[in-house]
């Protein structure tokens, strides 16, 4: 994935879920706090449609490149163009250097 500064043309918002324990001791997400809004290069690279016996599931995978930062966690949620993306792998530096950070994300498409 080639990345240069002039290709960061899309804005993404990085949200961190806020969780608390319920009466049974389970962690429940009750809010999301904004970590950052950054410029990014967003590329869809895979799509899958599974038509099982019970229901149809549509998934789209995205690869997102942003400027390197250390405050992104794998549990963070990405909002982009009204879509909610969940990370599928820990963020990693492109080419092992600290210039670009790559986020592997998945969007679960709702049935119409």
N, C-alpha and C. Protein backbone atom coordinates (compact mmCIF):
# COMPACT_ATOMS: atom_id res chain seq x y z
N UNK A 1 0.85 -1.17 0.00
CA UNK A 1 0.00 0.00 0.00
C UNK A 1 0.90 1.23 0.00
N UNK A 2 0.86 1.99 -1.09
CA UNK A 2 1.65 3.20 -1.19
C UNK A 2 0.86 4.36 -0.58
N UNK A 3 1.53 5.16 0.23
CA UNK A 3 0.87 6.29 0.89
C UNK A 3 1.77 7.51 0.79
N UNK A 4 1.18 8.64 0.39
CA UNK A 4 1.88 9.92 0.46
C UNK A 4 0.93 10.93 1.11
N UNK A 5 1.48 12.03 1.57
CA UNK A 5 0.67 13.01 2.30
C UNK A 5 -0.51 13.54 1.49
N UNK A 6 -0.31 13.75 0.19
CA UNK A 6 -1.40 14.33 -0.60
C UNK A 6 -2.53 13.33 -0.87
N UNK A 7 -2.38 12.07 -0.45
CA UNK A 7 -3.45 11.09 -0.61
C UNK A 7 -4.36 10.99 0.61
N UNK A 8 -4.00 11.65 1.69
CA UNK A 8 -4.84 11.64 2.90
C UNK A 8 -5.96 12.66 2.71
N UNK A 9 -7.03 12.24 2.03
CA UNK A 9 -8.08 13.17 1.62
C UNK A 9 -9.41 12.93 2.32
N UNK A 10 -9.49 11.92 3.17
CA UNK A 10 -10.75 11.60 3.82
C UNK A 10 -10.60 11.76 5.33
N UNK A 11 -11.67 12.23 5.97
CA UNK A 11 -11.64 12.43 7.42
C UNK A 11 -12.27 11.22 8.10
N UNK A 12 -11.58 10.70 9.11
CA UNK A 12 -12.14 9.63 9.93
C UNK A 12 -12.14 10.09 11.38
N UNK A 13 -13.09 9.58 12.13
CA UNK A 13 -13.16 9.85 13.56
C UNK A 13 -12.90 8.55 14.29
N UNK A 14 -11.99 8.61 15.25
CA UNK A 14 -11.64 7.44 16.04
C UNK A 14 -12.33 7.56 17.39
N UNK A 15 -13.17 6.57 17.72
CA UNK A 15 -13.94 6.57 18.95
C UNK A 15 -13.48 5.42 19.85
N UNK A 16 -13.47 5.67 21.14
CA UNK A 16 -13.11 4.63 22.11
C UNK A 16 -14.34 4.30 22.95
N UNK A 17 -14.74 3.01 22.98
CA UNK A 17 -15.89 2.61 23.78
C UNK A 17 -15.62 2.80 25.27
N UNK A 18 -16.63 3.29 25.98
CA UNK A 18 -16.56 3.42 27.44
C UNK A 18 -17.43 2.30 28.01
N UNK A 19 -16.81 1.44 28.81
CA UNK A 19 -17.54 0.29 29.34
C UNK A 19 -17.64 0.36 30.86
N UNK A 20 -18.65 -0.30 31.38
CA UNK A 20 -18.80 -0.45 32.83
C UNK A 20 -19.42 -1.81 33.10
N UNK A 21 -19.29 -2.27 34.31
CA UNK A 21 -19.82 -3.58 34.67
C UNK A 21 -21.30 -3.48 35.03
N UNK A 22 -22.06 -4.47 34.56
CA UNK A 22 -23.46 -4.54 34.96
C UNK A 22 -23.58 -5.36 36.24
N UNK A 23 -24.80 -5.64 36.66
CA UNK A 23 -25.03 -6.33 37.93
C UNK A 23 -24.42 -7.74 37.97
N UNK A 24 -24.30 -8.37 36.79
CA UNK A 24 -23.74 -9.72 36.73
C UNK A 24 -22.22 -9.73 36.56
N UNK A 25 -21.62 -8.55 36.43
CA UNK A 25 -20.17 -8.46 36.27
C UNK A 25 -19.69 -8.44 34.83
N UNK A 26 -20.62 -8.37 33.87
CA UNK A 26 -20.25 -8.30 32.45
C UNK A 26 -19.92 -6.87 32.07
N UNK A 27 -18.95 -6.69 31.16
CA UNK A 27 -18.64 -5.37 30.65
C UNK A 27 -19.65 -4.98 29.59
N UNK A 28 -20.26 -3.81 29.75
CA UNK A 28 -21.28 -3.33 28.83
C UNK A 28 -20.85 -1.96 28.32
N UNK A 29 -20.89 -1.79 26.99
CA UNK A 29 -20.56 -0.49 26.40
C UNK A 29 -21.75 0.44 26.57
N UNK A 30 -21.51 1.61 27.17
CA UNK A 30 -22.62 2.54 27.35
C UNK A 30 -22.37 3.89 26.69
N UNK A 31 -21.17 4.12 26.20
CA UNK A 31 -20.86 5.40 25.57
C UNK A 31 -19.60 5.24 24.75
N UNK A 32 -19.32 6.26 23.91
CA UNK A 32 -18.08 6.30 23.14
C UNK A 32 -17.50 7.69 23.25
N UNK A 33 -16.20 7.76 23.51
CA UNK A 33 -15.52 9.05 23.57
C UNK A 33 -14.66 9.22 22.33
N UNK A 34 -14.58 10.45 21.83
CA UNK A 34 -13.78 10.72 20.65
C UNK A 34 -12.31 10.81 21.02
N UNK A 35 -11.49 10.01 20.35
CA UNK A 35 -10.05 10.03 20.56
C UNK A 35 -9.42 11.08 19.65
N UNK A 36 -9.79 11.05 18.36
CA UNK A 36 -9.22 11.99 17.40
C UNK A 36 -10.03 11.99 16.12
N UNK A 37 -9.90 13.07 15.37
CA UNK A 37 -10.39 13.14 14.00
C UNK A 37 -9.18 13.45 13.14
N UNK A 38 -8.88 12.56 12.20
CA UNK A 38 -7.63 12.67 11.43
C UNK A 38 -7.91 12.49 9.94
N UNK A 39 -6.94 12.93 9.14
CA UNK A 39 -6.98 12.70 7.70
C UNK A 39 -6.49 11.29 7.44
N UNK A 40 -7.10 10.63 6.45
CA UNK A 40 -6.76 9.23 6.19
C UNK A 40 -6.91 8.90 4.71
N UNK A 41 -6.31 7.78 4.34
CA UNK A 41 -6.53 7.16 3.04
C UNK A 41 -7.27 5.86 3.32
N UNK A 42 -8.50 5.74 2.81
CA UNK A 42 -9.35 4.58 3.09
C UNK A 42 -9.52 3.78 1.80
N UNK A 43 -9.15 2.51 1.85
CA UNK A 43 -9.26 1.64 0.68
C UNK A 43 -10.07 0.39 1.03
N UNK A 44 -11.20 0.16 0.35
CA UNK A 44 -11.87 -1.13 0.52
C UNK A 44 -11.08 -2.18 -0.25
N UNK A 45 -10.82 -3.33 0.38
CA UNK A 45 -10.01 -4.33 -0.32
C UNK A 45 -10.64 -5.71 -0.37
N UNK A 46 -11.74 -5.93 0.32
CA UNK A 46 -12.39 -7.24 0.26
C UNK A 46 -13.87 -7.10 0.63
N UNK A 47 -14.68 -7.92 0.01
CA UNK A 47 -16.10 -7.95 0.33
C UNK A 47 -16.55 -9.41 0.35
N UNK A 48 -17.48 -9.70 1.24
CA UNK A 48 -17.96 -11.08 1.37
C UNK A 48 -19.47 -11.05 1.61
N UNK A 49 -20.17 -11.90 0.89
CA UNK A 49 -21.60 -12.07 1.10
C UNK A 49 -21.83 -13.54 1.42
N UNK A 50 -22.29 -13.82 2.62
CA UNK A 50 -22.58 -15.19 3.04
C UNK A 50 -24.09 -15.35 3.10
N UNK A 51 -24.60 -16.27 2.34
CA UNK A 51 -26.04 -16.53 2.36
C UNK A 51 -26.25 -17.88 3.03
N UNK A 52 -26.32 -17.84 4.35
CA UNK A 52 -26.51 -19.07 5.12
C UNK A 52 -27.98 -19.45 5.18
N UNK A 53 -28.25 -20.47 5.95
CA UNK A 53 -29.63 -20.93 6.09
C UNK A 53 -30.48 -19.92 6.86
N UNK A 54 -29.90 -19.27 7.84
CA UNK A 54 -30.69 -18.40 8.71
C UNK A 54 -30.78 -16.98 8.18
N UNK A 55 -29.66 -16.42 7.75
CA UNK A 55 -29.67 -15.02 7.34
C UNK A 55 -28.52 -14.74 6.39
N UNK A 56 -28.61 -13.61 5.74
CA UNK A 56 -27.57 -13.17 4.82
C UNK A 56 -26.67 -12.16 5.53
N UNK A 57 -25.36 -12.36 5.45
CA UNK A 57 -24.40 -11.48 6.11
C UNK A 57 -23.50 -10.86 5.04
N UNK A 58 -23.37 -9.55 5.08
CA UNK A 58 -22.51 -8.84 4.14
C UNK A 58 -21.41 -8.14 4.92
N UNK A 59 -20.17 -8.34 4.51
CA UNK A 59 -19.04 -7.71 5.18
C UNK A 59 -18.16 -7.03 4.14
N UNK A 60 -17.63 -5.88 4.49
CA UNK A 60 -16.67 -5.18 3.65
C UNK A 60 -15.45 -4.87 4.50
N UNK A 61 -14.27 -5.25 4.01
CA UNK A 61 -13.02 -4.99 4.73
C UNK A 61 -12.34 -3.76 4.15
N UNK A 62 -11.76 -2.95 5.03
CA UNK A 62 -11.08 -1.73 4.63
C UNK A 62 -9.68 -1.72 5.21
N UNK A 63 -8.78 -1.08 4.49
CA UNK A 63 -7.43 -0.81 4.99
C UNK A 63 -7.31 0.71 5.03
N UNK A 64 -6.98 1.23 6.21
CA UNK A 64 -6.92 2.68 6.42
C UNK A 64 -5.50 3.07 6.80
N UNK A 65 -4.98 4.10 6.14
CA UNK A 65 -3.65 4.62 6.47
C UNK A 65 -3.79 6.02 7.05
N UNK A 66 -3.15 6.24 8.21
CA UNK A 66 -3.13 7.56 8.84
C UNK A 66 -1.69 7.87 9.25
N UNK A 67 -1.44 9.11 9.64
CA UNK A 67 -0.12 9.45 10.18
C UNK A 67 0.11 8.66 11.45
N UNK A 68 1.35 8.27 11.71
CA UNK A 68 1.66 7.41 12.85
C UNK A 68 1.31 8.11 14.16
N UNK A 69 0.67 7.36 15.04
CA UNK A 69 0.36 7.82 16.38
C UNK A 69 0.31 6.60 17.30
N UNK A 70 0.51 6.83 18.59
CA UNK A 70 0.62 5.71 19.53
C UNK A 70 -0.62 5.51 20.39
N UNK A 71 -1.64 6.33 20.23
CA UNK A 71 -2.80 6.25 21.12
C UNK A 71 -3.97 5.45 20.55
N UNK A 72 -3.77 4.72 19.46
CA UNK A 72 -4.84 3.94 18.86
C UNK A 72 -4.80 2.52 19.42
N UNK A 73 -5.97 2.03 19.87
CA UNK A 73 -6.09 0.67 20.40
C UNK A 73 -6.91 -0.18 19.44
N UNK A 74 -6.75 -1.49 19.54
CA UNK A 74 -7.48 -2.39 18.66
C UNK A 74 -8.98 -2.37 18.95
N UNK A 75 -9.38 -1.94 20.12
CA UNK A 75 -10.81 -1.86 20.47
C UNK A 75 -11.47 -0.58 19.99
N UNK A 76 -10.70 0.36 19.46
CA UNK A 76 -11.27 1.63 18.98
C UNK A 76 -12.15 1.39 17.76
N UNK A 77 -13.12 2.26 17.59
CA UNK A 77 -14.08 2.18 16.49
C UNK A 77 -13.82 3.34 15.55
N UNK A 78 -13.89 3.08 14.25
CA UNK A 78 -13.64 4.10 13.24
C UNK A 78 -14.97 4.50 12.60
N UNK A 79 -15.24 5.81 12.53
CA UNK A 79 -16.41 6.33 11.82
C UNK A 79 -15.93 7.03 10.57
N UNK A 80 -16.48 6.63 9.43
CA UNK A 80 -16.07 7.19 8.14
C UNK A 80 -17.28 7.24 7.22
N UNK A 81 -17.63 8.42 6.76
CA UNK A 81 -18.74 8.64 5.83
C UNK A 81 -20.03 7.95 6.30
N UNK A 82 -20.33 8.08 7.58
CA UNK A 82 -21.54 7.50 8.12
C UNK A 82 -21.48 6.00 8.37
N UNK A 83 -20.33 5.39 8.13
CA UNK A 83 -20.15 3.95 8.35
C UNK A 83 -19.39 3.72 9.64
N UNK A 84 -19.72 2.64 10.32
CA UNK A 84 -19.02 2.26 11.54
C UNK A 84 -18.14 1.06 11.24
N UNK A 85 -16.84 1.22 11.45
CA UNK A 85 -15.87 0.18 11.15
C UNK A 85 -15.23 -0.31 12.43
N UNK A 86 -15.10 -1.62 12.57
CA UNK A 86 -14.43 -2.24 13.72
C UNK A 86 -13.09 -2.79 13.26
N UNK A 87 -12.07 -2.60 14.08
CA UNK A 87 -10.74 -3.10 13.73
C UNK A 87 -10.70 -4.62 13.88
N UNK A 88 -10.05 -5.27 12.93
CA UNK A 88 -9.93 -6.73 12.94
C UNK A 88 -8.54 -7.19 13.34
N UNK A 89 -7.60 -6.27 13.45
CA UNK A 89 -6.22 -6.60 13.82
C UNK A 89 -5.62 -5.40 14.54
N UNK A 90 -4.58 -5.62 15.32
CA UNK A 90 -3.92 -4.47 15.96
C UNK A 90 -3.33 -3.53 14.91
N UNK A 91 -3.35 -2.22 15.16
CA UNK A 91 -2.73 -1.28 14.23
C UNK A 91 -1.23 -1.56 14.12
N UNK A 92 -0.68 -1.36 12.92
CA UNK A 92 0.75 -1.61 12.73
C UNK A 92 1.35 -0.53 11.84
N UNK A 93 2.64 -0.31 12.04
CA UNK A 93 3.36 0.68 11.25
C UNK A 93 3.69 0.13 9.88
N UNK A 94 3.49 0.95 8.86
CA UNK A 94 3.81 0.53 7.49
C UNK A 94 5.32 0.43 7.35
N UNK A 95 5.80 -0.67 6.82
CA UNK A 95 7.24 -0.93 6.60
C UNK A 95 8.03 -0.91 7.90
N UNK A 96 7.36 -1.07 9.03
CA UNK A 96 8.06 -1.09 10.31
C UNK A 96 8.59 0.26 10.76
N UNK A 97 8.25 1.30 10.03
CA UNK A 97 8.73 2.64 10.41
C UNK A 97 7.60 3.40 11.08
N UNK A 98 7.93 4.50 11.70
CA UNK A 98 6.94 5.29 12.44
C UNK A 98 6.48 6.50 11.63
N UNK A 99 6.12 6.25 10.38
CA UNK A 99 5.62 7.33 9.54
C UNK A 99 4.12 7.17 9.30
N UNK A 100 3.69 5.94 9.02
CA UNK A 100 2.28 5.66 8.73
C UNK A 100 1.78 4.56 9.64
N UNK A 101 0.50 4.64 10.01
CA UNK A 101 -0.14 3.61 10.81
C UNK A 101 -1.26 3.00 9.96
N UNK A 102 -1.28 1.68 9.87
CA UNK A 102 -2.28 0.98 9.07
C UNK A 102 -3.31 0.34 10.01
N UNK A 103 -4.59 0.58 9.71
CA UNK A 103 -5.69 0.01 10.47
C UNK A 103 -6.47 -0.94 9.56
N UNK A 104 -6.60 -2.18 9.98
CA UNK A 104 -7.40 -3.16 9.24
C UNK A 104 -8.79 -3.16 9.88
N UNK A 105 -9.82 -2.85 9.09
CA UNK A 105 -11.17 -2.69 9.65
C UNK A 105 -12.20 -3.48 8.85
N UNK A 106 -13.35 -3.72 9.49
CA UNK A 106 -14.45 -4.43 8.85
C UNK A 106 -15.75 -3.70 9.14
N UNK A 107 -16.55 -3.56 8.08
CA UNK A 107 -17.90 -3.00 8.22
C UNK A 107 -18.89 -4.13 8.04
N UNK A 108 -19.79 -4.25 8.97
CA UNK A 108 -20.86 -5.23 8.87
C UNK A 108 -22.07 -4.50 8.30
N UNK A 109 -22.47 -4.86 7.09
CA UNK A 109 -23.54 -4.15 6.39
C UNK A 109 -24.88 -4.70 6.86
N UNK A 110 -25.77 -3.80 7.25
CA UNK A 110 -27.10 -4.19 7.72
C UNK A 110 -27.97 -4.60 6.54
N UNK A 111 -28.88 -5.53 6.78
CA UNK A 111 -29.85 -5.93 5.76
C UNK A 111 -30.88 -4.82 5.57
N UNK A 112 -31.30 -4.65 4.32
CA UNK A 112 -32.32 -3.63 4.03
C UNK A 112 -33.67 -4.15 4.35
